[in-house]
Amino acid sequence: QVQLVESGGGLVQAGGSLRLSCAASGRTFSYSAMGWFRQAPGKEREFVAAISLSGGGTYYANSVKGRFTISRDNAENTMYLHMNALKPEDTAVYYCAAGSAYYSDDDRHYDYWGQGTQVTVSS
């Protein structure tokens, strides 16, 4: 069974930084692209970033491009999201996802999801 566990969320002031981690168990990590999505209160879940199996390919939502960096360590079965220059509008529950054949911005392409970690950015 595949499990994804996010960590690293918290409360930070605008302009600050956080690093989210997604620890994966199971074989899925070694053969799938992965992604980060987020959901703010009262809003639909939205794409944040995705990364290819090798880590050589990345894709970002326009709203986070230049501020967030996605990476993965296949030896450690862990994916990261480095978030800099955080804004209040980045406040959301952040979810990691796995199981897609390619680094997609469409959440329907992912089979496995973590439980989410809360990120709150104060102004």
N, C-alpha and C. Protein backbone atom coordinates (compact mmCIF):
# COMPACT_ATOMS: atom_id res chain seq x y z
N GLN A 1 0.84 -1.18 0.00
CA GLN A 1 0.00 0.00 0.00
C GLN A 1 0.88 1.24 0.00
N VAL A 2 0.53 2.21 -0.81
CA VAL A 2 1.31 3.44 -0.90
C VAL A 2 0.80 4.43 0.13
N GLN A 3 1.74 5.01 0.84
CA GLN A 3 1.39 6.08 1.79
C GLN A 3 2.26 7.30 1.53
N LEU A 4 1.65 8.45 1.62
CA LEU A 4 2.35 9.73 1.47
C LEU A 4 2.08 10.54 2.73
N VAL A 5 3.14 11.04 3.33
CA VAL A 5 2.99 11.81 4.57
C VAL A 5 3.70 13.14 4.41
N GLU A 6 2.93 14.23 4.47
CA GLU A 6 3.50 15.55 4.36
C GLU A 6 3.91 16.07 5.74
N SER A 7 4.90 16.96 5.74
CA SER A 7 5.30 17.64 6.97
C SER A 7 5.95 18.96 6.60
N GLY A 8 6.15 19.80 7.61
CA GLY A 8 6.84 21.06 7.38
C GLY A 8 5.97 22.29 7.32
N GLY A 9 4.67 22.09 7.37
CA GLY A 9 3.79 23.25 7.35
C GLY A 9 3.86 24.02 8.66
N GLY A 10 3.24 25.20 8.67
CA GLY A 10 3.23 26.00 9.87
C GLY A 10 2.80 27.42 9.58
N LEU A 11 3.03 28.27 10.57
CA LEU A 11 2.67 29.68 10.48
C LEU A 11 3.94 30.49 10.20
N VAL A 12 3.87 31.36 9.20
CA VAL A 12 5.03 32.16 8.84
C VAL A 12 4.54 33.55 8.41
N GLN A 13 5.38 34.53 8.61
CA GLN A 13 5.03 35.88 8.18
C GLN A 13 5.25 36.04 6.67
N ALA A 14 4.52 36.95 6.10
CA ALA A 14 4.70 37.25 4.67
C ALA A 14 6.16 37.58 4.39
N GLY A 15 6.66 37.02 3.30
CA GLY A 15 8.06 37.19 2.94
C GLY A 15 8.96 36.09 3.47
N GLY A 16 8.43 35.27 4.34
CA GLY A 16 9.21 34.20 4.93
C GLY A 16 9.27 32.96 4.05
N SER A 17 9.89 31.91 4.60
CA SER A 17 10.11 30.68 3.85
C SER A 17 9.70 29.47 4.66
N LEU A 18 9.34 28.43 3.96
CA LEU A 18 9.07 27.13 4.55
C LEU A 18 9.52 26.06 3.58
N ARG A 19 9.83 24.88 4.13
CA ARG A 19 10.12 23.74 3.29
C ARG A 19 9.18 22.60 3.67
N LEU A 20 8.37 22.17 2.71
CA LEU A 20 7.49 21.04 2.91
C LEU A 20 8.19 19.77 2.45
N SER A 21 7.91 18.68 3.15
CA SER A 21 8.43 17.37 2.77
C SER A 21 7.27 16.41 2.56
N CYS A 22 7.49 15.46 1.67
CA CYS A 22 6.51 14.40 1.43
C CYS A 22 7.28 13.08 1.44
N ALA A 23 7.09 12.31 2.49
CA ALA A 23 7.74 11.02 2.61
C ALA A 23 6.83 9.94 2.05
N ALA A 24 7.37 9.14 1.16
CA ALA A 24 6.57 8.12 0.48
C ALA A 24 7.03 6.73 0.84
N SER A 25 6.08 5.83 0.96
CA SER A 25 6.39 4.42 1.14
C SER A 25 5.79 3.65 -0.02
N GLY A 26 6.39 2.53 -0.35
CA GLY A 26 5.87 1.74 -1.46
C GLY A 26 6.64 2.00 -2.74
N ARG A 27 6.39 1.19 -3.73
CA ARG A 27 7.16 1.25 -4.96
C ARG A 27 6.80 2.44 -5.84
N THR A 28 5.65 3.03 -5.61
CA THR A 28 5.18 4.10 -6.47
C THR A 28 6.19 5.22 -6.63
N PHE A 29 6.88 5.55 -5.55
CA PHE A 29 7.80 6.68 -5.61
C PHE A 29 8.86 6.47 -6.67
N SER A 30 9.28 5.24 -6.84
CA SER A 30 10.41 4.98 -7.75
C SER A 30 9.99 4.96 -9.21
N TYR A 31 8.70 4.99 -9.51
CA TYR A 31 8.32 4.95 -10.92
C TYR A 31 7.26 5.95 -11.29
N SER A 32 7.05 6.95 -10.47
CA SER A 32 6.00 7.90 -10.85
C SER A 32 6.45 9.34 -10.69
N ALA A 33 5.83 10.17 -11.49
CA ALA A 33 5.95 11.60 -11.28
C ALA A 33 5.17 11.98 -10.02
N MET A 34 5.47 13.13 -9.48
CA MET A 34 4.80 13.56 -8.26
C MET A 34 4.46 15.04 -8.35
N GLY A 35 3.57 15.43 -7.46
CA GLY A 35 3.15 16.83 -7.52
C GLY A 35 2.71 17.35 -6.18
N TRP A 36 2.62 18.67 -6.11
CA TRP A 36 2.06 19.37 -4.95
C TRP A 36 0.81 20.13 -5.41
N PHE A 37 -0.22 20.03 -4.61
CA PHE A 37 -1.45 20.79 -4.83
C PHE A 37 -1.80 21.49 -3.53
N ARG A 38 -2.70 22.45 -3.59
CA ARG A 38 -3.12 23.12 -2.37
C ARG A 38 -4.60 23.47 -2.45
N GLN A 39 -5.20 23.62 -1.28
CA GLN A 39 -6.60 23.99 -1.22
C GLN A 39 -6.80 24.99 -0.10
N ALA A 40 -7.26 26.16 -0.47
CA ALA A 40 -7.57 27.21 0.49
C ALA A 40 -9.04 27.09 0.91
N PRO A 41 -9.40 27.61 2.07
CA PRO A 41 -10.79 27.53 2.53
C PRO A 41 -11.76 28.13 1.51
N GLY A 42 -12.78 27.36 1.17
CA GLY A 42 -13.79 27.84 0.24
C GLY A 42 -13.39 27.81 -1.22
N LYS A 43 -12.22 27.26 -1.50
CA LYS A 43 -11.75 27.22 -2.89
C LYS A 43 -11.49 25.79 -3.31
N GLU A 44 -11.41 25.58 -4.62
CA GLU A 44 -11.10 24.27 -5.14
C GLU A 44 -9.60 23.99 -5.01
N ARG A 45 -9.29 22.72 -5.00
CA ARG A 45 -7.88 22.35 -4.97
C ARG A 45 -7.21 22.81 -6.26
N GLU A 46 -5.99 23.33 -6.12
CA GLU A 46 -5.28 23.84 -7.30
C GLU A 46 -3.86 23.29 -7.36
N PHE A 47 -3.36 23.24 -8.56
CA PHE A 47 -2.01 22.75 -8.83
C PHE A 47 -0.99 23.77 -8.35
N VAL A 48 0.11 23.26 -7.79
CA VAL A 48 1.22 24.11 -7.36
C VAL A 48 2.47 23.81 -8.18
N ALA A 49 2.91 22.55 -8.16
CA ALA A 49 4.14 22.17 -8.85
C ALA A 49 4.15 20.67 -9.06
N ALA A 50 4.92 20.24 -10.06
CA ALA A 50 5.06 18.82 -10.34
C ALA A 50 6.49 18.54 -10.78
N ILE A 51 6.89 17.28 -10.59
CA ILE A 51 8.26 16.89 -10.91
C ILE A 51 8.26 15.52 -11.55
N SER A 52 9.15 15.34 -12.51
CA SER A 52 9.23 14.08 -13.23
C SER A 52 9.86 13.00 -12.37
N LEU A 53 9.84 11.80 -12.88
CA LEU A 53 10.41 10.66 -12.17
C LEU A 53 11.88 10.90 -11.83
N SER A 54 12.64 11.38 -12.78
CA SER A 54 14.07 11.58 -12.57
C SER A 54 14.38 12.84 -11.78
N GLY A 55 13.41 13.75 -11.75
CA GLY A 55 13.64 15.05 -11.13
C GLY A 55 14.15 16.10 -12.10
N GLY A 56 14.42 15.67 -13.33
CA GLY A 56 14.95 16.60 -14.31
C GLY A 56 13.91 17.52 -14.93
N GLY A 57 12.67 17.14 -14.82
CA GLY A 57 11.59 17.95 -15.36
C GLY A 57 10.71 18.50 -14.26
N THR A 58 10.44 19.79 -14.29
CA THR A 58 9.57 20.42 -13.29
C THR A 58 8.59 21.35 -13.98
N TYR A 59 7.50 21.60 -13.29
CA TYR A 59 6.43 22.41 -13.86
C TYR A 59 5.76 23.14 -12.71
N TYR A 60 5.53 24.45 -12.88
CA TYR A 60 5.00 25.26 -11.79
C TYR A 60 3.76 26.03 -12.23
N ALA A 61 2.88 26.25 -11.28
CA ALA A 61 1.79 27.18 -11.51
C ALA A 61 2.37 28.58 -11.63
N ASN A 62 1.76 29.42 -12.43
CA ASN A 62 2.26 30.78 -12.61
C ASN A 62 2.31 31.54 -11.29
N SER A 63 1.39 31.24 -10.40
CA SER A 63 1.31 31.98 -9.14
C SER A 63 2.49 31.73 -8.22
N VAL A 64 3.23 30.64 -8.44
CA VAL A 64 4.35 30.32 -7.55
C VAL A 64 5.68 30.31 -8.28
N LYS A 65 5.66 30.46 -9.58
CA LYS A 65 6.89 30.39 -10.36
C LYS A 65 7.87 31.46 -9.90
N GLY A 66 9.11 31.05 -9.69
CA GLY A 66 10.13 31.98 -9.22
C GLY A 66 10.23 32.09 -7.72
N ARG A 67 9.22 31.58 -7.01
CA ARG A 67 9.23 31.62 -5.54
C ARG A 67 9.33 30.23 -4.92
N PHE A 68 8.74 29.24 -5.56
CA PHE A 68 8.74 27.87 -5.05
C PHE A 68 9.66 27.00 -5.91
N THR A 69 10.26 26.00 -5.26
CA THR A 69 11.10 25.04 -5.97
C THR A 69 10.72 23.64 -5.52
N ILE A 70 10.41 22.79 -6.48
CA ILE A 70 10.10 21.40 -6.19
C ILE A 70 11.33 20.55 -6.45
N SER A 71 11.55 19.54 -5.62
CA SER A 71 12.68 18.64 -5.80
C SER A 71 12.33 17.29 -5.21
N ARG A 72 13.15 16.31 -5.50
CA ARG A 72 12.92 14.98 -4.95
C ARG A 72 14.24 14.28 -4.74
N ASP A 73 14.26 13.39 -3.75
CA ASP A 73 15.41 12.56 -3.46
C ASP A 73 14.92 11.12 -3.56
N ASN A 74 15.17 10.48 -4.68
CA ASN A 74 14.65 9.14 -4.89
C ASN A 74 15.30 8.11 -3.95
N ALA A 75 16.50 8.37 -3.54
CA ALA A 75 17.16 7.45 -2.61
C ALA A 75 16.48 7.48 -1.24
N GLU A 76 15.92 8.63 -0.90
CA GLU A 76 15.26 8.79 0.40
C GLU A 76 13.74 8.72 0.29
N ASN A 77 13.23 8.48 -0.92
CA ASN A 77 11.78 8.42 -1.13
C ASN A 77 11.07 9.67 -0.60
N THR A 78 11.65 10.80 -0.87
CA THR A 78 11.10 12.05 -0.34
C THR A 78 11.05 13.12 -1.42
N MET A 79 9.97 13.88 -1.39
CA MET A 79 9.82 15.02 -2.28
C MET A 79 9.74 16.27 -1.42
N TYR A 80 10.19 17.39 -1.97
CA TYR A 80 10.22 18.63 -1.21
C TYR A 80 9.56 19.76 -1.99
N LEU A 81 9.12 20.74 -1.24
CA LEU A 81 8.67 21.99 -1.84
C LEU A 81 9.27 23.12 -1.02
N HIS A 82 10.24 23.81 -1.62
CA HIS A 82 10.85 24.95 -0.97
C HIS A 82 10.05 26.18 -1.35
N MET A 83 9.54 26.87 -0.35
CA MET A 83 8.68 28.02 -0.60
C MET A 83 9.33 29.27 -0.04
N ASN A 84 9.60 30.22 -0.91
CA ASN A 84 10.21 31.49 -0.51
C ASN A 84 9.26 32.64 -0.84
N ALA A 85 9.54 33.78 -0.24
CA ALA A 85 8.74 34.99 -0.49
C ALA A 85 7.25 34.69 -0.36
N LEU A 86 6.89 34.03 0.71
CA LEU A 86 5.50 33.62 0.90
C LEU A 86 4.57 34.81 1.04
N LYS A 87 3.37 34.63 0.51
CA LYS A 87 2.34 35.66 0.53
C LYS A 87 1.11 35.15 1.27
N PRO A 88 0.30 36.03 1.81
CA PRO A 88 -0.92 35.57 2.49
C PRO A 88 -1.80 34.69 1.58
N GLU A 89 -1.78 34.95 0.30
CA GLU A 89 -2.60 34.14 -0.61
C GLU A 89 -2.05 32.74 -0.82
N ASP A 90 -0.88 32.45 -0.28
CA ASP A 90 -0.35 31.08 -0.31
C ASP A 90 -0.93 30.23 0.82
N THR A 91 -1.68 30.84 1.70
CA THR A 91 -2.29 30.11 2.81
C THR A 91 -3.24 29.03 2.30
N ALA A 92 -3.00 27.80 2.71
CA ALA A 92 -3.80 26.67 2.22
C ALA A 92 -3.31 25.39 2.90
N VAL A 93 -4.07 24.33 2.69
CA VAL A 93 -3.57 23.00 3.02
C VAL A 93 -2.85 22.48 1.78
N TYR A 94 -1.63 22.03 1.98
CA TYR A 94 -0.81 21.56 0.86
C TYR A 94 -0.78 20.04 0.87
N TYR A 95 -1.03 19.46 -0.30
CA TYR A 95 -1.08 18.02 -0.47
C TYR A 95 -0.03 17.56 -1.45
N CYS A 96 0.61 16.44 -1.14
CA CYS A 96 1.47 15.83 -2.14
C CYS A 96 0.71 14.69 -2.80
N ALA A 97 1.09 14.41 -4.04
CA ALA A 97 0.41 13.41 -4.84
C ALA A 97 1.42 12.61 -5.63
N ALA A 98 1.09 11.35 -5.89
CA ALA A 98 1.97 10.47 -6.64
C ALA A 98 1.15 9.53 -7.52
N GLY A 99 1.85 8.88 -8.43
CA GLY A 99 1.18 7.88 -9.24
C GLY A 99 0.91 8.29 -10.66
N SER A 100 1.27 9.51 -11.01
CA SER A 100 1.04 9.95 -12.38
C SER A 100 2.16 9.46 -13.29
N ALA A 101 1.81 9.25 -14.53
CA ALA A 101 2.82 8.80 -15.49
C ALA A 101 3.75 9.93 -15.91
N TYR A 102 3.29 11.17 -15.77
CA TYR A 102 4.12 12.31 -16.13
C TYR A 102 3.77 13.47 -15.23
N TYR A 103 4.61 14.49 -15.23
CA TYR A 103 4.44 15.57 -14.26
C TYR A 103 3.34 16.51 -14.74
N SER A 104 2.16 16.20 -14.27
CA SER A 104 0.94 16.83 -14.74
C SER A 104 0.40 17.84 -13.74
N ASP A 105 -0.33 18.82 -14.26
CA ASP A 105 -1.01 19.78 -13.40
C ASP A 105 -2.47 19.37 -13.16
N ASP A 106 -2.85 18.21 -13.64
CA ASP A 106 -4.23 17.72 -13.52
C ASP A 106 -4.31 16.71 -12.38
N ASP A 107 -5.06 17.04 -11.34
CA ASP A 107 -5.09 16.14 -10.18
C ASP A 107 -5.72 14.80 -10.52
N ARG A 108 -6.45 14.70 -11.61
CA ARG A 108 -7.04 13.40 -11.98
C ARG A 108 -5.99 12.39 -12.41
N HIS A 109 -4.80 12.84 -12.69
CA HIS A 109 -3.74 11.94 -13.14
C HIS A 109 -3.00 11.28 -11.98
N TYR A 110 -3.29 11.70 -10.76
CA TYR A 110 -2.57 11.17 -9.61
C TYR A 110 -3.44 10.18 -8.86
N ASP A 111 -2.84 9.08 -8.45
CA ASP A 111 -3.58 8.01 -7.78
C ASP A 111 -3.51 8.06 -6.26
N TYR A 112 -2.45 8.64 -5.74
CA TYR A 112 -2.21 8.60 -4.30
C TYR A 112 -2.03 10.01 -3.76
N TRP A 113 -2.58 10.22 -2.57
CA TRP A 113 -2.56 11.54 -1.95
C TRP A 113 -2.20 11.45 -0.47
N GLY A 114 -1.50 12.46 0.01
CA GLY A 114 -1.24 12.56 1.43
C GLY A 114 -2.40 13.20 2.15
N GLN A 115 -2.25 13.36 3.46
CA GLN A 115 -3.32 13.89 4.28
C GLN A 115 -3.32 15.42 4.32
N GLY A 116 -2.24 16.01 3.89
CA GLY A 116 -2.14 17.47 3.82
C GLY A 116 -1.43 18.07 5.02
N THR A 117 -0.82 19.22 4.80
CA THR A 117 -0.18 19.98 5.87
C THR A 117 -0.57 21.45 5.70
N GLN A 118 -0.91 22.08 6.80
CA GLN A 118 -1.41 23.45 6.76
C GLN A 118 -0.26 24.44 6.67
N VAL A 119 -0.38 25.38 5.74
CA VAL A 119 0.54 26.50 5.64
C VAL A 119 -0.28 27.78 5.82
N THR A 120 0.11 28.59 6.79
CA THR A 120 -0.58 29.85 7.05
C THR A 120 0.43 30.98 6.97
N VAL A 121 0.15 31.95 6.12
CA VAL A 121 1.04 33.10 5.95
C VAL A 121 0.31 34.34 6.44
N SER A 122 0.88 34.96 7.46
CA SER A 122 0.26 36.15 8.03
C SER A 122 0.82 37.41 7.37
N SER A 123 -0.03 38.43 7.29
CA SER A 123 0.39 39.67 6.63
C SER A 123 1.03 40.63 7.61
